[in-house]
Amino acid sequence: MNDGTPAFDRRMLEALVCPVTQTVLEYDAEKQELISRAANLVFPIRNGIPVMLTDEARPLE
């Protein structure tokens, strides 16, 4: 995937937790999202930067 979008550094995932539940996040490389199953929220990654704001998250389907 080299569409000009900066790549998300997977090592950052080890340091990030869900801002709602403080639990581990899953990385969806295809959709460029971080998933919190505990909170049922999906956080976007924009330009290689995780947006960890609850008002920017969408419900997990």
Protein backbone atom coordinates (compact mmCIF):
# COMPACT_ATOMS: atom_id res chain seq x y z
CA MET A 1 0.00 0.00 0.00
CA ASN A 2 1.85 3.03 -1.23
CA ASP A 3 -0.78 5.57 -2.17
CA GLY A 4 1.17 8.50 -0.75
CA THR A 5 -0.28 8.06 2.73
CA PRO A 6 2.34 7.75 5.49
CA ALA A 7 2.45 4.27 6.95
CA PHE A 8 1.27 3.66 10.50
CA ASP A 9 4.13 2.52 12.73
CA ARG A 10 2.93 -0.79 14.17
CA ARG A 11 5.32 -0.37 17.13
CA MET A 12 3.15 2.57 18.19
CA LEU A 13 0.30 0.10 18.73
CA GLU A 14 2.15 -1.32 21.72
CA ALA A 15 1.97 2.08 23.44
CA LEU A 16 -1.63 2.94 22.48
CA VAL A 17 -4.70 1.84 24.42
CA CYS A 18 -8.37 2.62 24.03
CA PRO A 19 -9.07 6.05 25.58
CA VAL A 20 -12.41 4.76 26.90
CA THR A 21 -11.52 1.36 28.38
CA GLN A 22 -7.69 1.47 28.56
CA THR A 23 -7.61 -1.90 26.76
CA VAL A 24 -5.51 -3.18 23.86
CA LEU A 25 -6.37 -2.08 20.32
CA GLU A 26 -6.37 -4.14 17.12
CA TYR A 27 -4.82 -2.72 13.95
CA ASP A 28 -6.72 -3.04 10.66
CA ALA A 29 -4.06 -2.28 8.04
CA GLU A 30 -6.46 -2.47 5.10
CA LYS A 31 -8.87 0.12 6.50
CA GLN A 32 -6.21 2.09 8.43
CA GLU A 33 -8.14 1.89 11.69
CA LEU A 34 -7.62 0.90 15.30
CA ILE A 35 -10.35 -1.25 16.82
CA SER A 36 -11.40 -1.30 20.46
CA ARG A 37 -13.57 -4.37 20.90
CA ALA A 38 -14.08 -3.56 24.59
CA ALA A 39 -15.62 -0.15 23.76
CA ASN A 40 -17.09 -1.27 20.40
CA LEU A 41 -15.38 1.69 18.73
CA VAL A 42 -13.16 2.10 15.68
CA PHE A 43 -10.61 4.92 15.63
CA PRO A 44 -9.31 6.24 12.29
CA ILE A 45 -5.67 6.58 11.29
CA ARG A 46 -5.19 9.70 9.18
CA ASN A 47 -1.90 10.46 7.43
CA GLY A 48 -0.23 7.80 9.56
CA ILE A 49 -1.49 9.34 12.82
CA PRO A 50 -4.06 7.57 15.03
CA VAL A 51 -6.97 9.86 15.93
CA MET A 52 -7.80 8.70 19.45
CA LEU A 53 -10.76 11.02 20.07
CA THR A 54 -14.07 9.40 20.94
CA ASP A 55 -16.00 11.96 18.88
CA GLU A 56 -13.94 10.93 15.82
CA ALA A 57 -14.52 7.20 16.39
CA ARG A 58 -17.28 5.21 14.72
CA PRO A 59 -19.25 2.32 16.22
CA LEU A 60 -17.85 -1.14 15.59
CA GLU A 61 -20.18 -3.00 13.24
